[in-house]
N, C-alpha and C. Protein backbone atom coordinates (compact mmCIF):
# COMPACT_ATOMS: atom_id res chain seq x y z
N MET A 1 51.78 -8.14 -18.78
CA MET A 1 51.60 -9.49 -19.15
C MET A 1 50.31 -9.92 -19.86
N PRO A 2 50.55 -10.54 -21.01
CA PRO A 2 49.36 -10.91 -21.77
C PRO A 2 48.49 -11.86 -21.16
N ILE A 3 47.22 -11.85 -21.38
CA ILE A 3 46.38 -13.09 -20.82
C ILE A 3 46.27 -14.10 -21.99
N LYS A 4 46.59 -15.33 -21.43
CA LYS A 4 46.45 -16.41 -22.39
C LYS A 4 45.15 -17.16 -22.41
N PRO A 5 44.74 -17.42 -23.64
CA PRO A 5 43.37 -18.07 -23.71
C PRO A 5 43.33 -19.41 -23.11
N PRO A 6 42.38 -20.09 -22.70
CA PRO A 6 42.29 -21.39 -22.22
C PRO A 6 42.80 -22.53 -23.20
N VAL A 7 43.28 -23.63 -22.64
CA VAL A 7 44.08 -24.50 -23.53
C VAL A 7 42.89 -25.13 -24.48
N ASN A 8 41.62 -25.32 -24.12
CA ASN A 8 40.72 -25.87 -24.99
C ASN A 8 40.31 -24.89 -26.13
N ALA A 9 40.43 -23.63 -25.97
CA ALA A 9 40.02 -22.72 -27.04
C ALA A 9 41.26 -22.90 -28.15
N ARG A 10 42.41 -23.00 -27.64
CA ARG A 10 43.63 -23.15 -28.59
C ARG A 10 43.42 -24.47 -29.40
N ARG A 11 43.05 -25.55 -28.67
CA ARG A 11 42.86 -26.74 -29.34
C ARG A 11 41.85 -26.68 -30.42
N GLU A 12 40.61 -26.11 -30.13
CA GLU A 12 39.58 -25.65 -31.10
C GLU A 12 40.02 -24.94 -32.24
N ALA A 13 40.79 -23.94 -32.07
CA ALA A 13 41.35 -23.04 -33.11
C ALA A 13 42.14 -23.87 -33.92
N ASP A 14 43.15 -24.65 -33.31
CA ASP A 14 43.90 -25.32 -34.13
C ASP A 14 43.17 -26.51 -35.03
N ALA A 15 42.22 -27.08 -34.44
CA ALA A 15 41.39 -28.14 -35.11
C ALA A 15 40.59 -27.43 -36.35
N LEU A 16 40.07 -26.19 -36.08
CA LEU A 16 39.49 -25.49 -37.24
C LEU A 16 40.32 -25.10 -38.33
N ALA A 17 41.66 -24.75 -37.99
CA ALA A 17 42.64 -24.31 -38.99
C ALA A 17 43.08 -25.54 -39.70
N GLN A 18 42.99 -26.76 -39.29
CA GLN A 18 43.37 -27.96 -40.06
C GLN A 18 42.31 -28.36 -40.93
N LYS A 19 41.02 -28.01 -40.74
CA LYS A 19 40.09 -28.57 -41.56
C LYS A 19 39.93 -27.96 -42.87
N PRO A 20 39.81 -28.55 -44.01
CA PRO A 20 39.70 -27.86 -45.25
C PRO A 20 38.39 -27.11 -45.44
N ALA A 21 38.41 -25.93 -46.03
CA ALA A 21 37.13 -25.15 -46.17
C ALA A 21 36.56 -25.69 -47.36
N ARG A 22 35.21 -25.81 -47.08
CA ARG A 22 34.28 -26.33 -48.39
C ARG A 22 33.84 -25.04 -49.02
N LEU A 23 34.23 -24.87 -50.25
CA LEU A 23 33.95 -23.77 -51.04
C LEU A 23 32.57 -23.84 -51.59
N THR A 24 32.07 -24.95 -52.21
CA THR A 24 30.75 -25.06 -52.63
C THR A 24 30.00 -26.12 -51.99
N PRO A 25 28.64 -25.65 -51.78
CA PRO A 25 27.88 -26.74 -50.88
C PRO A 25 27.55 -27.87 -51.77
N THR A 26 27.24 -28.97 -51.12
CA THR A 26 26.92 -30.15 -51.88
C THR A 26 25.51 -29.91 -52.36
N SER A 27 25.07 -30.81 -53.35
CA SER A 27 23.83 -30.82 -53.89
C SER A 27 22.69 -31.01 -52.80
N ALA A 28 22.96 -31.69 -51.67
CA ALA A 28 21.91 -32.01 -50.71
C ALA A 28 21.49 -30.91 -49.89
N ASP A 29 22.33 -29.75 -49.89
CA ASP A 29 22.08 -28.63 -48.93
C ASP A 29 22.30 -27.27 -49.75
N ASP A 30 22.02 -27.21 -50.97
CA ASP A 30 22.26 -26.03 -51.59
C ASP A 30 20.76 -25.37 -51.90
N GLY A 31 19.67 -25.92 -51.33
CA GLY A 31 18.27 -25.26 -51.51
C GLY A 31 17.65 -25.47 -52.72
N THR A 32 18.04 -26.46 -53.52
CA THR A 32 17.31 -26.73 -54.74
C THR A 32 16.04 -27.35 -54.61
N HIS A 33 16.01 -28.34 -53.54
CA HIS A 33 14.70 -28.93 -53.18
C HIS A 33 13.69 -27.93 -52.61
N GLN A 34 14.12 -27.09 -51.76
CA GLN A 34 13.24 -26.13 -51.19
C GLN A 34 12.56 -25.18 -52.31
N LEU A 35 13.54 -24.70 -53.16
CA LEU A 35 13.04 -23.75 -54.27
C LEU A 35 11.89 -24.48 -55.12
N LEU A 36 12.19 -25.87 -55.55
CA LEU A 36 11.30 -26.52 -56.33
C LEU A 36 10.08 -26.72 -55.62
N LYS A 37 10.21 -27.11 -54.32
CA LYS A 37 8.89 -27.34 -53.70
C LYS A 37 7.99 -26.13 -53.36
N TRP A 38 8.65 -25.03 -52.90
CA TRP A 38 7.94 -23.82 -52.74
C TRP A 38 7.52 -23.12 -53.93
N GLY A 39 8.32 -23.09 -54.82
CA GLY A 39 8.09 -22.46 -56.20
C GLY A 39 6.81 -23.25 -56.79
N GLY A 40 6.91 -24.52 -56.81
CA GLY A 40 5.71 -25.25 -57.40
C GLY A 40 4.38 -25.23 -56.61
N SER A 41 4.55 -24.90 -55.25
CA SER A 41 3.34 -24.79 -54.36
C SER A 41 2.69 -23.43 -54.78
N THR A 42 3.54 -22.50 -54.68
CA THR A 42 3.23 -20.95 -54.82
C THR A 42 2.52 -20.84 -56.30
N LEU A 43 3.06 -21.54 -57.27
CA LEU A 43 2.54 -21.54 -58.65
C LEU A 43 1.22 -22.15 -58.66
N ALA A 44 1.17 -23.33 -57.99
CA ALA A 44 -0.15 -24.06 -57.86
C ALA A 44 -1.21 -23.31 -57.24
N VAL A 45 -0.95 -22.45 -56.19
CA VAL A 45 -2.06 -21.57 -55.48
C VAL A 45 -2.46 -20.48 -56.47
N GLY A 46 -1.43 -19.91 -57.25
CA GLY A 46 -1.73 -18.75 -58.16
C GLY A 46 -2.72 -19.45 -59.28
N ILE A 47 -2.41 -20.63 -59.84
CA ILE A 47 -3.22 -21.25 -60.75
C ILE A 47 -4.64 -21.55 -60.23
N LEU A 48 -4.86 -22.07 -59.10
CA LEU A 48 -6.04 -22.31 -58.50
C LEU A 48 -6.85 -21.19 -58.23
N CYS A 49 -6.24 -20.05 -57.67
CA CYS A 49 -7.08 -18.82 -57.69
C CYS A 49 -7.38 -18.24 -58.95
N ALA A 50 -6.65 -18.45 -59.92
CA ALA A 50 -7.09 -17.83 -61.11
C ALA A 50 -8.31 -18.71 -61.58
N LEU A 51 -8.35 -19.93 -61.62
CA LEU A 51 -9.41 -20.75 -62.02
C LEU A 51 -10.63 -20.61 -61.06
N LEU A 52 -10.32 -20.26 -59.72
CA LEU A 52 -11.59 -19.85 -58.94
C LEU A 52 -12.15 -18.55 -59.31
N THR A 53 -11.28 -17.70 -59.73
CA THR A 53 -11.91 -16.24 -60.10
C THR A 53 -12.59 -16.40 -61.35
N ARG A 54 -12.34 -17.34 -62.12
CA ARG A 54 -13.11 -17.36 -63.39
C ARG A 54 -14.36 -18.17 -63.47
N THR A 55 -14.31 -19.15 -62.34
CA THR A 55 -15.37 -20.11 -62.39
C THR A 55 -16.33 -19.73 -61.09
N VAL A 56 -15.81 -20.02 -60.05
CA VAL A 56 -16.70 -19.99 -58.81
C VAL A 56 -16.96 -18.53 -58.24
N PHE A 57 -16.07 -17.58 -58.54
CA PHE A 57 -16.31 -16.28 -57.83
C PHE A 57 -16.83 -15.27 -58.80
N GLY A 58 -17.62 -15.73 -59.81
CA GLY A 58 -18.23 -14.88 -60.55
C GLY A 58 -17.74 -14.30 -62.06
N GLY A 59 -16.51 -14.82 -62.33
CA GLY A 59 -16.01 -14.44 -63.55
C GLY A 59 -15.30 -13.16 -63.55
N ILE A 60 -14.79 -12.76 -64.72
CA ILE A 60 -14.19 -11.51 -64.83
C ILE A 60 -14.74 -10.81 -66.08
N GLY A 61 -15.31 -9.71 -65.73
CA GLY A 61 -15.80 -8.61 -66.87
C GLY A 61 -14.86 -7.66 -67.51
N PRO A 62 -15.20 -6.92 -68.14
CA PRO A 62 -14.39 -5.83 -68.78
C PRO A 62 -13.74 -5.04 -67.71
N GLN A 63 -14.53 -4.79 -66.62
CA GLN A 63 -13.92 -4.00 -65.50
C GLN A 63 -13.39 -4.47 -64.32
N GLY A 64 -13.08 -5.94 -64.50
CA GLY A 64 -12.67 -6.80 -63.45
C GLY A 64 -13.55 -7.90 -62.88
N PRO A 65 -13.17 -8.47 -61.73
CA PRO A 65 -14.01 -9.50 -61.26
C PRO A 65 -15.40 -8.94 -60.81
N HIS A 66 -16.50 -9.64 -60.72
CA HIS A 66 -17.75 -9.30 -60.22
C HIS A 66 -18.17 -9.21 -58.73
N THR A 67 -17.29 -9.96 -57.99
CA THR A 67 -17.52 -10.15 -56.67
C THR A 67 -16.19 -9.76 -55.70
N ASN A 68 -16.43 -9.45 -54.56
CA ASN A 68 -15.29 -9.10 -53.60
C ASN A 68 -14.36 -10.27 -53.53
N SER A 69 -14.83 -11.52 -53.41
CA SER A 69 -14.08 -12.66 -53.33
C SER A 69 -13.14 -12.87 -54.63
N GLY A 70 -13.97 -12.55 -55.71
CA GLY A 70 -13.28 -12.50 -57.10
C GLY A 70 -11.86 -11.53 -57.17
N TRP A 71 -12.21 -10.39 -56.56
CA TRP A 71 -10.92 -9.47 -56.43
C TRP A 71 -9.86 -9.90 -55.48
N MET A 72 -10.39 -10.53 -54.48
CA MET A 72 -9.31 -11.06 -53.60
C MET A 72 -8.51 -12.17 -54.20
N ALA A 73 -9.23 -13.13 -54.89
CA ALA A 73 -8.57 -14.22 -55.60
C ALA A 73 -7.58 -13.78 -56.76
N LEU A 74 -8.05 -12.55 -57.35
CA LEU A 74 -7.31 -12.12 -58.53
C LEU A 74 -6.04 -11.53 -57.97
N ILE A 75 -6.23 -10.67 -56.66
CA ILE A 75 -4.89 -10.17 -56.05
C ILE A 75 -3.94 -11.40 -55.78
N VAL A 76 -4.48 -12.38 -55.28
CA VAL A 76 -3.56 -13.52 -54.68
C VAL A 76 -2.95 -14.09 -55.97
N THR A 77 -3.68 -14.25 -57.09
CA THR A 77 -3.22 -14.86 -58.28
C THR A 77 -2.07 -13.95 -58.88
N MET A 78 -2.22 -12.57 -58.91
CA MET A 78 -1.24 -11.77 -59.39
C MET A 78 -0.04 -11.53 -58.64
N MET A 79 0.03 -12.09 -57.35
CA MET A 79 1.13 -12.23 -56.48
C MET A 79 1.81 -13.54 -56.70
N CYS A 80 0.99 -14.54 -56.67
CA CYS A 80 1.65 -15.93 -56.62
C CYS A 80 2.16 -16.43 -57.99
N LEU A 81 1.61 -16.01 -59.20
CA LEU A 81 2.03 -16.61 -60.44
C LEU A 81 3.51 -16.13 -60.59
N PRO A 82 3.89 -14.75 -60.64
CA PRO A 82 5.15 -14.28 -61.02
C PRO A 82 6.18 -14.85 -60.03
N PHE A 83 5.82 -14.72 -58.79
CA PHE A 83 6.84 -15.13 -57.69
C PHE A 83 7.07 -16.65 -57.75
N GLY A 84 5.89 -17.35 -57.90
CA GLY A 84 6.13 -18.91 -57.97
C GLY A 84 6.69 -19.32 -59.16
N PHE A 85 6.59 -18.67 -60.28
CA PHE A 85 7.35 -18.95 -61.42
C PHE A 85 8.84 -18.66 -61.43
N LEU A 86 9.16 -17.63 -60.77
CA LEU A 86 10.61 -17.28 -60.64
C LEU A 86 11.31 -18.19 -59.63
N LEU A 87 10.50 -18.49 -58.63
CA LEU A 87 11.06 -19.45 -57.65
C LEU A 87 11.27 -20.92 -58.22
N PHE A 88 10.24 -21.32 -59.03
CA PHE A 88 10.41 -22.69 -59.63
C PHE A 88 11.50 -22.64 -60.67
N LEU A 89 11.64 -21.60 -61.51
CA LEU A 89 12.65 -21.41 -62.51
C LEU A 89 14.04 -21.50 -61.90
N LEU A 90 14.19 -20.74 -60.83
CA LEU A 90 15.58 -20.81 -60.19
C LEU A 90 15.86 -22.29 -59.62
N GLY A 91 14.82 -22.89 -59.07
CA GLY A 91 15.10 -24.31 -58.63
C GLY A 91 15.47 -25.22 -59.74
N ALA A 92 14.70 -25.01 -60.80
CA ALA A 92 14.86 -25.96 -61.95
C ALA A 92 16.29 -25.78 -62.52
N LEU A 93 16.71 -24.57 -62.67
CA LEU A 93 18.17 -24.24 -63.15
C LEU A 93 19.09 -24.75 -62.19
N LYS A 94 18.96 -24.58 -60.94
CA LYS A 94 19.89 -25.14 -59.96
C LYS A 94 19.84 -26.66 -60.09
N TRP A 95 18.83 -27.23 -60.44
CA TRP A 95 18.80 -28.62 -60.52
C TRP A 95 19.44 -29.16 -61.68
N LEU A 96 19.46 -28.40 -62.84
CA LEU A 96 20.04 -28.80 -63.99
C LEU A 96 21.63 -28.64 -63.76
N ARG A 97 21.92 -27.54 -63.07
CA ARG A 97 23.37 -27.41 -62.82
C ARG A 97 23.90 -28.52 -61.85
N ASN A 98 23.21 -28.85 -60.79
CA ASN A 98 23.77 -30.01 -60.07
C ASN A 98 23.76 -31.39 -60.81
N ARG A 99 22.83 -31.43 -61.81
CA ARG A 99 22.82 -32.80 -62.55
C ARG A 99 24.03 -33.01 -63.51
N ARG A 100 24.50 -31.79 -63.82
CA ARG A 100 25.77 -31.97 -64.70
C ARG A 100 26.91 -32.28 -63.99
N ARG A 101 27.08 -32.09 -62.66
CA ARG A 101 28.29 -32.25 -61.89
C ARG A 101 28.46 -33.81 -61.54
């Protein structure tokens, strides 16, 4: 003799089957705002570290920065600039796509 699921589980399954599936997310929850915000923030940190390396932390000579803090700021710059640029670019392209809809 098969075991029957509870009545509430059947009702929930029927209710889920009747709801239309949403294939594409709306512009409010597709992550565009987060990509633009965090991409811009990461890009700003990279630019700030690049400026600090050139000015406050001793500048950059032919063999690299002159101080340890200059080297650390250069490492942060080299991580933040490409990653922030790609995040911001992806967010901008998604924003343009959502604007056309």
